[in-house]
Protein backbone atom coordinates (compact mmCIF):
# COMPACT_ATOMS: atom_id res chain seq x y z
CA MET A 1 -18.63 -21.33 1.61
CA ALA A 2 -17.20 -22.20 -1.79
CA ASP A 3 -16.33 -18.60 -2.66
CA ASP A 4 -14.32 -18.00 0.73
CA ILE A 5 -10.67 -17.21 0.49
CA GLY A 6 -8.77 -20.18 2.04
CA VAL A 7 -6.02 -19.01 4.39
CA LEU A 8 -2.79 -21.27 5.32
CA ILE A 9 -1.41 -20.24 8.67
CA VAL A 10 2.32 -20.97 9.27
CA ASP A 11 3.69 -20.37 12.61
CA ASP A 12 5.79 -22.40 15.14
CA SER A 13 3.63 -21.05 18.08
CA ALA A 14 0.36 -22.99 18.65
CA LEU A 15 -0.94 -20.02 20.41
CA MET A 16 -0.28 -17.81 17.37
CA ARG A 17 -1.87 -20.22 14.98
CA ASN A 18 -5.08 -20.30 17.12
CA LEU A 19 -5.29 -16.44 17.60
CA ILE A 20 -4.53 -15.80 13.85
CA GLY A 21 -7.09 -18.73 12.85
CA ARG A 22 -9.61 -17.07 15.19
CA MET A 23 -9.47 -13.69 13.47
CA VAL A 24 -9.53 -15.47 10.01
CA GLU A 25 -12.84 -17.41 10.89
CA GLU A 26 -14.50 -14.23 12.46
CA THR A 27 -14.12 -12.39 9.05
CA GLU A 28 -16.65 -12.70 6.36
CA GLY A 29 -15.06 -13.99 3.23
CA LEU A 30 -12.13 -15.82 4.84
CA VAL A 31 -11.74 -19.38 6.13
CA VAL A 32 -8.90 -21.33 7.59
CA ALA A 33 -7.56 -23.88 5.06
CA GLU A 34 -4.95 -25.31 7.22
CA LYS A 35 -2.36 -24.67 9.79
CA ALA A 36 1.36 -25.55 9.90
CA MET A 37 4.08 -25.23 12.38
CA ASN A 38 6.95 -24.57 10.02
CA GLY A 39 7.77 -24.14 6.33
CA LYS A 40 8.42 -27.92 5.61
CA PHE A 41 4.88 -28.88 6.81
CA ALA A 42 3.27 -25.95 5.00
CA LEU A 43 4.96 -27.20 1.64
CA GLN A 44 3.49 -30.71 2.29
CA LYS A 45 0.06 -29.39 3.11
CA ILE A 46 -0.33 -26.91 -0.07
CA PRO A 47 -0.98 -29.52 -2.60
CA ARG A 48 -3.88 -31.03 -0.53
CA VAL A 49 -5.47 -27.88 0.74
CA ASN A 50 -4.80 -25.74 -2.24
CA PRO A 51 -5.03 -22.39 -0.14
CA ASP A 52 -5.63 -18.83 -1.72
CA VAL A 53 -3.08 -16.86 0.51
CA ILE A 54 -0.39 -17.76 3.14
CA VAL A 55 0.20 -16.15 6.46
CA LEU A 56 4.01 -16.82 7.20
CA ASP A 57 6.16 -16.36 10.32
CA LEU A 58 9.92 -15.93 9.53
CA GLU A 59 11.50 -17.36 12.58
CA MET A 60 10.70 -21.14 12.80
CA PRO A 61 12.56 -24.29 13.20
CA GLU A 62 13.48 -27.05 10.67
CA MET A 63 12.34 -24.59 7.85
CA ASN A 64 12.08 -20.91 8.47
CA GLY A 65 10.23 -18.34 6.44
CA ILE A 66 13.20 -17.37 4.29
CA GLU A 67 13.81 -21.04 3.52
CA PHE A 68 10.40 -21.43 2.84
CA LEU A 69 10.04 -18.67 0.31
CA LYS A 70 13.15 -20.01 -1.50
CA GLU A 71 11.67 -23.32 -1.89
CA ARG A 72 8.28 -21.86 -2.91
CA ARG A 73 10.04 -20.01 -5.76
CA ARG A 74 12.06 -23.05 -6.67
CA GLN A 75 8.72 -25.18 -6.92
CA GLY A 76 7.09 -22.31 -8.93
CA ILE A 77 4.33 -21.92 -6.15
CA LYS A 78 2.40 -18.62 -7.05
CA ILE A 79 0.16 -18.51 -3.98
CA PRO A 80 0.67 -15.12 -2.43
CA VAL A 81 2.41 -14.81 1.08
CA VAL A 82 1.92 -12.38 3.77
CA ILE A 83 4.66 -12.07 6.37
CA LEU A 84 3.34 -11.71 10.06
CA SER A 85 6.47 -11.66 12.12
CA SER A 86 8.37 -9.80 15.08
CA ILE A 87 11.10 -7.54 14.70
CA ALA A 88 14.30 -9.03 15.65
CA ALA A 89 17.78 -7.49 15.45
CA ARG A 90 17.85 -7.68 11.76
CA GLY A 91 14.08 -7.76 11.29
CA ALA A 92 13.77 -4.99 8.70
CA GLU A 93 16.67 -6.37 6.45
CA ILE A 94 15.14 -9.95 6.88
CA THR A 95 11.65 -8.65 5.89
CA MET A 96 12.94 -6.92 2.85
CA GLU A 97 14.67 -10.05 1.86
CA ALA A 98 11.35 -11.88 2.00
CA LEU A 99 9.66 -9.32 -0.24
CA SER A 100 12.71 -9.91 -2.67
CA LEU A 101 11.94 -13.52 -2.56
CA GLY A 102 8.38 -13.12 -3.72
CA ALA A 103 6.33 -12.38 -0.28
CA SER A 104 3.76 -9.89 -1.16
CA ASP A 105 3.40 -7.78 1.96
CA PHE A 106 4.16 -7.87 5.65
CA ILE A 107 2.76 -6.95 9.24
CA GLN A 108 4.82 -6.59 12.21
CA LYS A 109 3.67 -8.63 15.24
CA PRO A 110 2.76 -5.96 17.95
CA SER A 111 4.76 -7.49 20.88
CA GLY A 112 7.24 -10.19 19.88
CA SER A 113 7.14 -13.66 18.48
CA ILE A 114 4.41 -14.66 20.87
CA SER A 115 1.94 -11.72 20.78
CA ASP A 116 -1.26 -12.16 22.72
CA ASP A 117 -2.32 -8.59 21.67
CA ILE A 118 -2.26 -9.83 17.97
CA HIS A 119 -5.69 -8.63 17.61
CA THR A 120 -4.65 -4.97 17.47
CA VAL A 121 -3.33 -5.70 13.78
CA LYS A 122 -6.42 -7.62 12.83
CA ASP A 123 -7.87 -4.95 10.43
CA SER A 124 -4.52 -4.60 8.61
CA LEU A 125 -3.99 -8.57 8.46
CA VAL A 126 -7.51 -9.51 7.17
CA GLY A 127 -7.56 -6.57 4.78
CA MET A 128 -4.36 -7.96 3.31
CA LEU A 129 -5.70 -11.51 3.23
CA LEU A 130 -8.98 -10.30 1.48
CA GLY A 131 -6.91 -8.38 -1.09
CA TYR A 132 -4.34 -10.72 -2.04
CA GLY A 133 -6.50 -13.93 -1.77
CA LYS A 134 -9.20 -12.26 -3.87
CA GLN A 135 -6.48 -11.28 -6.52
CA TYR A 136 -5.09 -14.72 -6.75
CA ARG A 137 -8.58 -16.38 -6.94
CA ARG A 138 -9.25 -14.02 -9.88
CA THR A 139 -5.93 -15.45 -11.66
CA GLN A 140 -7.07 -19.00 -11.05
CA GLY A 141 -10.64 -18.26 -12.38
CA LYS A 142 -12.30 -18.57 -8.92
CA LYS A 143 -15.09 -16.26 -7.64
CA THR A 144 -14.98 -14.47 -4.50
CA ALA A 145 -17.60 -12.23 -2.56
CA THR A 146 -17.65 -8.57 -3.26
CA ILE A 147 -15.51 -6.55 -0.52
CA ASP A 148 -15.80 -2.96 0.13
CA TYR A 149 -12.27 -1.75 0.95
CA THR A 150 -13.11 1.75 1.92
CA VAL A 151 -14.41 0.43 5.24
CA LYS A 152 -13.16 -2.32 7.70
CA PRO A 153 -13.71 -5.86 6.44
CA GLN A 154 -16.94 -7.45 7.80
CA SER A 155 -17.09 -9.55 10.79
CA LYS A 156 -19.27 -12.74 10.67
CA SER A 157 -21.01 -11.26 13.80
CA GLY A 158 -21.77 -8.09 11.90
CA VAL A 159 -20.35 -5.20 10.21
CA LEU A 160 -17.34 -3.27 11.92
CA SER A 161 -17.39 0.38 11.93
CA PRO A 162 -14.98 2.40 9.67
CA PRO A 163 -11.48 3.07 11.18
CA GLU A 164 -11.40 6.43 13.16
CA ALA A 165 -9.12 9.18 11.75
CA VAL A 166 -7.85 12.06 13.70
CA ARG A 167 -7.73 14.89 11.08
CA PRO A 168 -6.73 18.61 11.33
CA LYS A 169 -9.65 21.00 10.57
CA SER A 170 -8.17 22.03 7.26
CA TYR A 171 -8.76 18.43 5.82
CA ILE A 172 -12.43 18.19 6.95
CA LYS A 173 -15.07 18.97 4.38
CA SER A 174 -18.83 19.43 4.95
CA ALA A 175 -21.45 17.60 2.76
CA ASP A 176 -22.14 21.04 1.26
CA SER A 177 -18.41 21.32 -0.18
CA LEU A 178 -18.34 18.00 -2.05
CA ASN A 179 -19.47 19.35 -5.30
CA LEU A 180 -22.57 17.33 -5.70
CA SER A 181 -24.35 16.99 -9.07
CA PRO A 182 -28.26 16.96 -9.08
CA SER A 183 -28.12 13.17 -9.00
CA GLY A 184 -26.19 13.07 -5.90
CA THR A 185 -22.73 11.92 -7.50
CA VAL A 186 -19.68 13.97 -7.29
CA LYS A 187 -18.94 16.17 -10.27
CA PRO A 188 -15.39 16.57 -11.56
CA HIS A 189 -13.89 19.76 -10.37
CA THR A 190 -13.09 22.40 -13.14
CA PRO A 191 -9.11 22.75 -12.95
CA LEU A 192 -8.15 26.65 -12.37
CA ARG A 193 -5.46 26.40 -15.00
CA LYS A 194 -3.96 24.13 -17.74
CA PRO A 195 -1.29 21.58 -16.76
CA GLY A 196 2.29 22.93 -16.87
CA LYS A 197 5.56 21.25 -17.13
CA THR A 198 5.74 18.24 -14.51
CA ASP A 199 8.08 19.34 -11.81
CA ILE A 200 7.47 16.79 -9.27
CA ILE A 201 5.68 13.12 -8.94
CA ALA A 202 3.79 12.35 -5.74
CA ILE A 203 2.59 8.61 -5.09
CA GLY A 204 0.35 7.66 -2.39
CA ILE A 205 -0.07 3.82 -1.78
CA SER A 206 -0.84 1.43 0.84
CA THR A 207 -1.88 -2.39 0.97
CA GLY A 208 -0.36 -4.00 -2.06
CA GLY A 209 2.29 -1.21 -2.21
CA PRO A 210 5.54 -3.05 -1.69
CA ASP A 211 4.95 -5.39 -4.68
CA ALA A 212 3.54 -2.64 -6.73
CA LEU A 213 6.55 -0.18 -6.07
CA ARG A 214 9.05 -2.75 -6.75
CA PHE A 215 7.61 -3.23 -10.08
CA ILE A 216 7.26 0.41 -10.85
CA PHE A 217 10.51 1.36 -9.77
CA SER A 218 12.33 -1.25 -11.65
CA LYS A 219 10.60 0.00 -14.95
CA LEU A 220 11.31 3.72 -14.50
CA ASP A 221 13.46 5.26 -17.37
CA ALA A 222 17.04 5.99 -16.39
CA ASP A 223 16.80 9.51 -17.83
CA LEU A 224 13.70 10.59 -16.02
CA LYS A 225 14.77 13.77 -14.45
CA VAL A 226 11.66 14.70 -12.26
CA PRO A 227 11.95 14.01 -8.61
CA ILE A 228 9.54 11.52 -6.84
CA VAL A 229 8.12 11.68 -3.49
CA VAL A 230 6.27 8.49 -1.84
CA VAL A 231 4.19 7.80 0.97
CA GLN A 232 3.71 4.06 1.54
CA HIS A 233 1.95 2.96 4.78
CA MET A 234 4.71 1.23 6.55
CA PRO A 235 5.75 1.03 10.25
CA PRO A 236 8.75 2.75 11.62
CA GLY A 237 12.04 0.70 11.15
CA PHE A 238 11.18 -0.64 7.85
CA THR A 239 11.23 2.26 5.31
CA LEU A 240 15.18 2.83 5.37
CA GLU A 241 15.49 -0.91 4.30
CA PHE A 242 12.66 -0.59 1.87
CA ALA A 243 14.06 2.36 0.23
CA ARG A 244 17.46 0.57 -0.03
CA SER A 245 15.64 -2.25 -1.59
CA LEU A 246 14.07 -0.18 -4.04
CA ASP A 247 17.35 1.64 -4.77
CA ARG A 248 18.98 -1.67 -5.74
CA ILE A 249 16.45 -2.24 -8.63
CA CYS A 250 15.71 1.26 -9.68
CA PRO A 251 17.80 3.32 -12.39
CA LEU A 252 17.18 6.40 -10.19
CA GLU A 253 18.50 7.20 -6.62
CA VAL A 254 15.94 5.89 -4.06
CA LYS A 255 16.36 7.00 -0.52
CA GLU A 256 14.45 7.20 2.95
CA ALA A 257 13.56 10.84 3.31
CA ALA A 258 15.29 12.86 6.09
CA GLU A 259 14.42 16.09 7.45
CA GLY A 260 15.66 18.85 5.12
CA ASP A 261 16.31 16.52 2.14
CA ILE A 262 16.52 18.47 -1.13
CA ILE A 263 14.16 17.56 -3.77
CA GLN A 264 16.33 16.96 -6.94
CA PRO A 265 16.15 15.55 -10.32
CA GLY A 266 16.80 11.67 -10.60
CA ARG A 267 15.86 11.09 -6.79
CA ALA A 268 12.99 9.51 -5.28
CA LEU A 269 12.28 10.07 -1.58
CA ILE A 270 10.41 7.57 0.57
CA ALA A 271 8.54 8.71 3.60
CA GLN A 272 9.49 7.44 6.99
CA GLY A 273 7.36 5.27 8.89
CA ASN A 274 5.32 7.17 11.62
CA LYS A 275 6.33 10.66 10.06
CA HIS A 276 4.23 12.82 7.94
CA LEU A 277 6.19 14.05 4.83
CA GLU A 278 5.38 17.41 3.33
CA VAL A 279 7.28 19.65 0.72
CA GLU A 280 8.32 23.19 0.84
CA LYS A 281 9.65 25.59 -1.81
CA TYR A 282 12.49 28.16 -0.98
CA PRO A 283 14.31 30.63 -3.34
CA TYR A 284 17.08 28.14 -3.50
CA GLY A 285 14.98 25.01 -4.27
CA ALA A 286 12.52 22.50 -2.65
CA VAL A 287 12.96 20.51 0.54
CA VAL A 288 10.96 17.91 2.57
CA HIS A 289 9.86 18.40 6.05
CA LEU A 290 8.91 15.39 8.49
CA THR A 291 6.49 16.08 11.30
CA ASP A 292 4.91 14.06 14.07
CA ALA A 293 1.30 15.78 13.60
CA PRO A 294 -1.72 13.68 14.37
CA LEU A 295 -2.82 10.90 12.15
CA VAL A 296 -4.67 12.06 8.97
CA SER A 297 -6.98 9.72 7.18
CA GLY A 298 -6.01 7.18 9.85
CA HIS A 299 -2.41 7.16 8.91
CA ARG A 300 0.97 8.74 9.60
CA PRO A 301 2.72 9.01 6.94
CA SER A 302 -0.57 10.14 5.13
CA ALA A 303 -1.02 10.62 1.24
CA ASP A 304 -3.41 13.37 2.07
CA VAL A 305 -0.90 15.40 3.97
CA LEU A 306 1.67 14.81 1.09
CA PHE A 307 -0.81 15.62 -1.83
CA ALA A 308 -2.09 18.79 0.11
CA SER A 309 1.56 20.31 0.24
CA ILE A 310 2.22 19.29 -3.46
CA ALA A 311 -0.94 21.05 -4.62
CA LYS A 312 0.19 24.18 -2.46
CA TRP A 313 3.71 24.49 -3.60
CA TYR A 314 3.70 22.87 -7.03
CA GLY A 315 0.06 23.37 -8.24
CA ASN A 316 -0.23 22.73 -12.15
CA HIS A 317 3.23 21.53 -12.14
CA ALA A 318 2.71 18.33 -10.20
CA LEU A 319 1.62 14.69 -11.21
CA GLY A 320 -0.06 12.89 -8.34
CA VAL A 321 -0.67 9.13 -8.40
CA ILE A 322 -2.88 7.14 -6.12
CA MET A 323 -2.55 3.41 -5.97
CA THR A 324 -3.66 0.19 -4.37
CA GLY A 325 -4.66 0.57 -0.75
CA MET A 326 -7.60 0.09 1.87
CA GLY A 327 -9.55 2.89 3.08
CA ARG A 328 -9.45 6.53 1.39
CA ASP A 329 -6.07 8.10 2.44
CA GLY A 330 -5.01 10.53 -0.32
CA ALA A 331 -8.39 10.29 -2.26
CA GLU A 332 -9.51 13.69 -1.02
CA GLN A 333 -6.31 15.83 -1.27
CA ILE A 334 -5.13 14.41 -4.71
CA GLY A 335 -8.19 16.31 -5.70
CA GLU A 336 -6.39 19.56 -4.78
CA ILE A 337 -3.74 18.59 -7.25
CA TYR A 338 -6.45 18.20 -9.77
CA LYS A 339 -8.18 21.39 -9.05
CA GLU A 340 -4.79 23.28 -9.35
CA GLY A 341 -4.29 22.06 -12.87
CA GLY A 342 -1.89 19.24 -12.01
CA LEU A 343 -2.09 15.76 -13.48
CA THR A 344 -3.61 12.96 -11.59
CA LEU A 345 -3.57 9.02 -12.13
CA GLY A 346 -5.19 6.19 -10.38
CA GLN A 347 -4.41 2.59 -10.39
CA ASP A 348 -7.25 0.58 -12.03
CA GLU A 349 -9.47 -1.96 -10.26
CA ALA A 350 -8.24 -5.12 -12.23
CA SER A 351 -4.46 -4.56 -11.15
CA SER A 352 -5.06 -3.28 -7.57
CA VAL A 353 -4.78 -5.57 -4.57
CA VAL A 354 -7.09 -3.53 -2.86
CA TYR A 355 -9.20 -1.16 -4.86
CA GLY A 356 -10.02 1.21 -1.88
CA MET A 357 -7.91 4.53 -2.11
CA PRO A 358 -7.84 4.73 -5.82
CA ARG A 359 -11.64 3.94 -6.02
CA VAL A 360 -12.60 6.75 -3.88
CA ALA A 361 -10.46 9.25 -5.56
CA PHE A 362 -11.96 8.29 -8.95
CA GLU A 363 -15.53 8.31 -7.61
CA LEU A 364 -14.87 11.82 -6.20
CA GLY A 365 -13.94 12.87 -9.59
CA HIS A 366 -10.31 13.60 -8.82
CA ILE A 367 -8.76 11.21 -11.30
CA GLN A 368 -8.06 12.09 -14.89
CA GLU A 369 -7.16 8.54 -16.02
CA GLN A 370 -7.03 4.85 -14.46
CA VAL A 371 -3.92 3.02 -15.31
CA SER A 372 -3.03 -0.68 -14.77
CA LEU A 373 0.02 -1.55 -12.66
CA GLN A 374 1.63 -2.84 -15.72
CA ASN A 375 1.47 0.28 -17.62
CA MET A 376 1.96 2.65 -14.77
CA ALA A 377 5.76 3.44 -15.11
CA ARG A 378 5.32 4.05 -18.72
CA LYS A 379 2.61 6.40 -18.22
CA ILE A 380 4.41 8.27 -15.47
CA CYS A 381 7.45 8.78 -17.59
CA ASP A 382 5.59 9.74 -20.64
CA LEU A 383 3.56 12.46 -18.74
CA ALA A 384 6.64 13.64 -16.75
CA LYS A 385 8.75 14.08 -20.11
CA THR A 386 6.01 15.71 -22.18
CA PRO A 387 6.65 19.36 -22.51
CA ARG A 388 3.68 21.72 -21.73
């Protein structure tokens, strides 16, 4: 269809090109625009097929992914790129280099360069392709079909079920507890108290997050003294390099969170991949704890886990921010920050790669203000510095 998002698949393995192509063709709203065996052929095909999004392997002969990204930047090509590559010895470092060169996001191949089990990452991959492809088409004045990012993307053979989430009982709410108005919509909760001085900033983010966080962290004020904790959905082995890449562009200190790290002014802590991050206050100060507890809202780390602990220990002295991402992680528990009297922000639809998590939070009545990505850093700094 004319409104479908065209995908250029770049991988040196014919098997990988075929398997990825099959996943694309099975997904409503996506179509294979073309395939290429390396970056050189991809550059030759782009003017002819005019794709909306590119899936790029990093390890290829003649012109690898990094070389392709450098040439893409030199030529001024704006088509978004999703890295789909295996972890090599320097996998995380190379992936972060790819992001710094303009790649939008990345997914790890599940079992090496030739992954015949690539279908296990299908939901994540097609979700990114739909999100980035739709955003690019919007900048080009092209239409796309409406996609509901709170569930898995549709298959052309039928609608797929929402992802399963193993959730502790404390996070499960009955229909009677959702605070419904007579019309059936969710009413905003009445905060228990007025907002106090902001002592911590908590951010939950997923698909579209690497780009968004790079933009925000580069714009933060150097004199921002309020500590920041972040849950970005990312596999283990990558968050250390991701934090280092943010530290290079941010005026504040940014590091991957470790068990027992002290929450302190002028520092941002990024949750480790595959570890929940919670905060806890002691008489001498606040620290972070990392746990291997079951998935919550389908994720570990989970923004719901982070927001719940922030609400418990900081109450009306917290600022919660929920941003671009598929599904609903964080949407429920950011409401606890709101109910305790804390401040809550959500990224707006226009600037979100995937308007899933912030949309659900907004529709639940948990968001006080929706903010564009372009204005988010300024808004965070202004709220954090305002005495109350």
